[in-house]
Amino acid sequence: MFWKIVGALIVAWIAFMVLGSVIGFVFKAVLWIGIIGGVLFLGTAAYGAITGKKASKRISR
């Protein structure tokens, strides 16, 4: 009976370690994708602001 409890605890511990590492990897991947996307967005916005046309286009009716 003692070894069944110890075995179950070891299996649960390994399962939590694997699950934690997978969740940690996904969180880091999403974080880096968000950072790269934010930098690209800000770069594109800055480029558009710098090279934008001075006269604004008006909608003709």
N, C-alpha and C. Protein backbone atom coordinates (compact mmCIF):
# COMPACT_ATOMS: atom_id res chain seq x y z
N MET A 1 0.83 -1.20 0.00
CA MET A 1 0.00 0.00 0.00
C MET A 1 0.87 1.26 0.00
N PHE A 2 1.94 1.24 0.78
CA PHE A 2 2.84 2.39 0.86
C PHE A 2 3.46 2.69 -0.50
N TRP A 3 3.89 1.64 -1.22
CA TRP A 3 4.54 1.83 -2.51
C TRP A 3 3.56 2.32 -3.57
N LYS A 4 2.28 1.97 -3.46
CA LYS A 4 1.29 2.48 -4.40
C LYS A 4 1.11 3.98 -4.22
N ILE A 5 1.12 4.44 -2.99
CA ILE A 5 0.98 5.86 -2.72
C ILE A 5 2.22 6.62 -3.22
N VAL A 6 3.39 6.08 -2.93
CA VAL A 6 4.63 6.71 -3.39
C VAL A 6 4.68 6.73 -4.91
N GLY A 7 4.29 5.64 -5.55
CA GLY A 7 4.26 5.58 -7.01
C GLY A 7 3.28 6.59 -7.60
N ALA A 8 2.11 6.71 -7.00
CA ALA A 8 1.12 7.68 -7.48
C ALA A 8 1.64 9.10 -7.32
N LEU A 9 2.33 9.38 -6.22
CA LEU A 9 2.89 10.71 -6.02
C LEU A 9 3.99 11.02 -7.03
N ILE A 10 4.81 10.02 -7.33
CA ILE A 10 5.87 10.22 -8.33
C ILE A 10 5.27 10.45 -9.71
N VAL A 11 4.26 9.67 -10.06
CA VAL A 11 3.60 9.85 -11.37
C VAL A 11 2.95 11.22 -11.45
N ALA A 12 2.27 11.66 -10.38
CA ALA A 12 1.64 12.98 -10.36
C ALA A 12 2.69 14.08 -10.47
N TRP A 13 3.82 13.91 -9.78
CA TRP A 13 4.90 14.90 -9.82
C TRP A 13 5.47 15.02 -11.24
N ILE A 14 5.71 13.89 -11.89
CA ILE A 14 6.23 13.91 -13.27
C ILE A 14 5.21 14.54 -14.21
N ALA A 15 3.93 14.23 -14.02
CA ALA A 15 2.89 14.81 -14.87
C ALA A 15 2.84 16.33 -14.71
N PHE A 16 2.93 16.81 -13.47
CA PHE A 16 2.92 18.25 -13.25
C PHE A 16 4.17 18.91 -13.82
N MET A 17 5.31 18.25 -13.76
CA MET A 17 6.54 18.81 -14.35
C MET A 17 6.41 18.93 -15.86
N VAL A 18 5.91 17.89 -16.51
CA VAL A 18 5.75 17.92 -17.96
C VAL A 18 4.73 18.98 -18.36
N LEU A 19 3.61 19.02 -17.65
CA LEU A 19 2.58 20.00 -17.96
C LEU A 19 3.09 21.42 -17.74
N GLY A 20 3.83 21.63 -16.67
CA GLY A 20 4.39 22.95 -16.40
C GLY A 20 5.40 23.38 -17.45
N SER A 21 6.21 22.45 -17.92
CA SER A 21 7.19 22.82 -18.94
C SER A 21 6.50 23.13 -20.27
N VAL A 22 5.46 22.41 -20.61
CA VAL A 22 4.73 22.68 -21.85
C VAL A 22 4.03 24.03 -21.76
N ILE A 23 3.38 24.31 -20.63
CA ILE A 23 2.70 25.60 -20.47
C ILE A 23 3.72 26.73 -20.45
N GLY A 24 4.86 26.53 -19.81
CA GLY A 24 5.89 27.55 -19.80
C GLY A 24 6.43 27.82 -21.19
N PHE A 25 6.64 26.79 -21.98
CA PHE A 25 7.13 26.97 -23.35
C PHE A 25 6.11 27.74 -24.19
N VAL A 26 4.84 27.37 -24.06
CA VAL A 26 3.79 28.06 -24.84
C VAL A 26 3.72 29.53 -24.42
N PHE A 27 3.81 29.80 -23.11
CA PHE A 27 3.74 31.18 -22.63
C PHE A 27 4.92 31.99 -23.16
N LYS A 28 6.12 31.42 -23.13
CA LYS A 28 7.28 32.14 -23.65
C LYS A 28 7.16 32.36 -25.15
N ALA A 29 6.66 31.37 -25.89
CA ALA A 29 6.50 31.52 -27.34
C ALA A 29 5.50 32.62 -27.66
N VAL A 30 4.37 32.64 -26.96
CA VAL A 30 3.35 33.67 -27.20
C VAL A 30 3.89 35.05 -26.81
N LEU A 31 4.67 35.10 -25.72
CA LEU A 31 5.26 36.37 -25.30
C LEU A 31 6.20 36.92 -26.37
N TRP A 32 7.08 36.07 -26.91
CA TRP A 32 8.01 36.53 -27.93
C TRP A 32 7.30 36.90 -29.22
N ILE A 33 6.28 36.15 -29.59
CA ILE A 33 5.50 36.50 -30.79
C ILE A 33 4.83 37.86 -30.60
N GLY A 34 4.32 38.11 -29.40
CA GLY A 34 3.71 39.41 -29.11
C GLY A 34 4.72 40.55 -29.16
N ILE A 35 5.91 40.33 -28.62
CA ILE A 35 6.94 41.36 -28.65
C ILE A 35 7.37 41.66 -30.08
N ILE A 36 7.61 40.62 -30.87
CA ILE A 36 8.02 40.81 -32.27
C ILE A 36 6.90 41.50 -33.06
N GLY A 37 5.67 41.09 -32.84
CA GLY A 37 4.54 41.74 -33.52
C GLY A 37 4.41 43.20 -33.14
N GLY A 38 4.61 43.52 -31.87
CA GLY A 38 4.53 44.91 -31.43
C GLY A 38 5.62 45.77 -32.04
N VAL A 39 6.84 45.23 -32.11
CA VAL A 39 7.95 45.96 -32.72
C VAL A 39 7.68 46.19 -34.20
N LEU A 40 7.20 45.17 -34.89
CA LEU A 40 6.89 45.33 -36.32
C LEU A 40 5.76 46.33 -36.54
N PHE A 41 4.75 46.30 -35.67
CA PHE A 41 3.65 47.26 -35.78
C PHE A 41 4.14 48.69 -35.57
N LEU A 42 4.95 48.90 -34.53
CA LEU A 42 5.46 50.24 -34.28
C LEU A 42 6.38 50.71 -35.40
N GLY A 43 7.19 49.80 -35.94
CA GLY A 43 8.06 50.16 -37.06
C GLY A 43 7.27 50.54 -38.29
N THR A 44 6.23 49.79 -38.58
CA THR A 44 5.39 50.09 -39.74
C THR A 44 4.66 51.42 -39.55
N ALA A 45 4.17 51.67 -38.34
CA ALA A 45 3.48 52.93 -38.07
C ALA A 45 4.45 54.11 -38.18
N ALA A 46 5.66 53.95 -37.68
CA ALA A 46 6.65 55.02 -37.77
C ALA A 46 7.03 55.27 -39.23
N TYR A 47 7.24 54.22 -39.99
CA TYR A 47 7.57 54.36 -41.41
C TYR A 47 6.44 55.07 -42.16
N GLY A 48 5.21 54.68 -41.88
CA GLY A 48 4.07 55.32 -42.53
C GLY A 48 3.93 56.78 -42.14
N ALA A 49 4.26 57.11 -40.90
CA ALA A 49 4.16 58.50 -40.45
C ALA A 49 5.26 59.35 -41.09
N ILE A 50 6.44 58.76 -41.26
CA ILE A 50 7.56 59.51 -41.83
C ILE A 50 7.37 59.71 -43.33
N THR A 51 6.97 58.68 -44.04
CA THR A 51 6.88 58.76 -45.50
C THR A 51 5.47 59.09 -45.99
N GLY A 52 4.56 59.42 -45.09
CA GLY A 52 3.18 59.72 -45.49
C GLY A 52 3.09 60.98 -46.31
N LYS A 53 2.05 61.08 -47.12
CA LYS A 53 1.84 62.27 -47.94
C LYS A 53 1.38 63.42 -47.04
N LYS A 54 1.81 64.62 -47.40
CA LYS A 54 1.50 65.78 -46.57
C LYS A 54 0.04 66.22 -46.76
N ALA A 55 -0.47 66.11 -47.96
CA ALA A 55 -1.84 66.51 -48.22
C ALA A 55 -2.77 65.33 -47.93
N SER A 56 -3.80 65.62 -47.17
CA SER A 56 -4.75 64.54 -46.86
C SER A 56 -5.73 64.39 -48.02
N LYS A 57 -6.11 63.18 -48.28
CA LYS A 57 -7.04 62.89 -49.37
C LYS A 57 -8.47 63.21 -48.88
N ARG A 58 -9.21 63.89 -49.71
CA ARG A 58 -10.59 64.19 -49.38
C ARG A 58 -11.51 63.32 -50.22
N ILE A 59 -12.60 62.97 -49.63
CA ILE A 59 -13.58 62.15 -50.34
C ILE A 59 -14.46 63.07 -51.16
N SER A 60 -14.48 62.88 -52.46
CA SER A 60 -15.32 63.72 -53.32
C SER A 60 -16.70 63.08 -53.44
N ARG A 61 -17.67 63.95 -53.43
CA ARG A 61 -19.05 63.45 -53.51
C ARG A 61 -19.64 63.74 -54.85
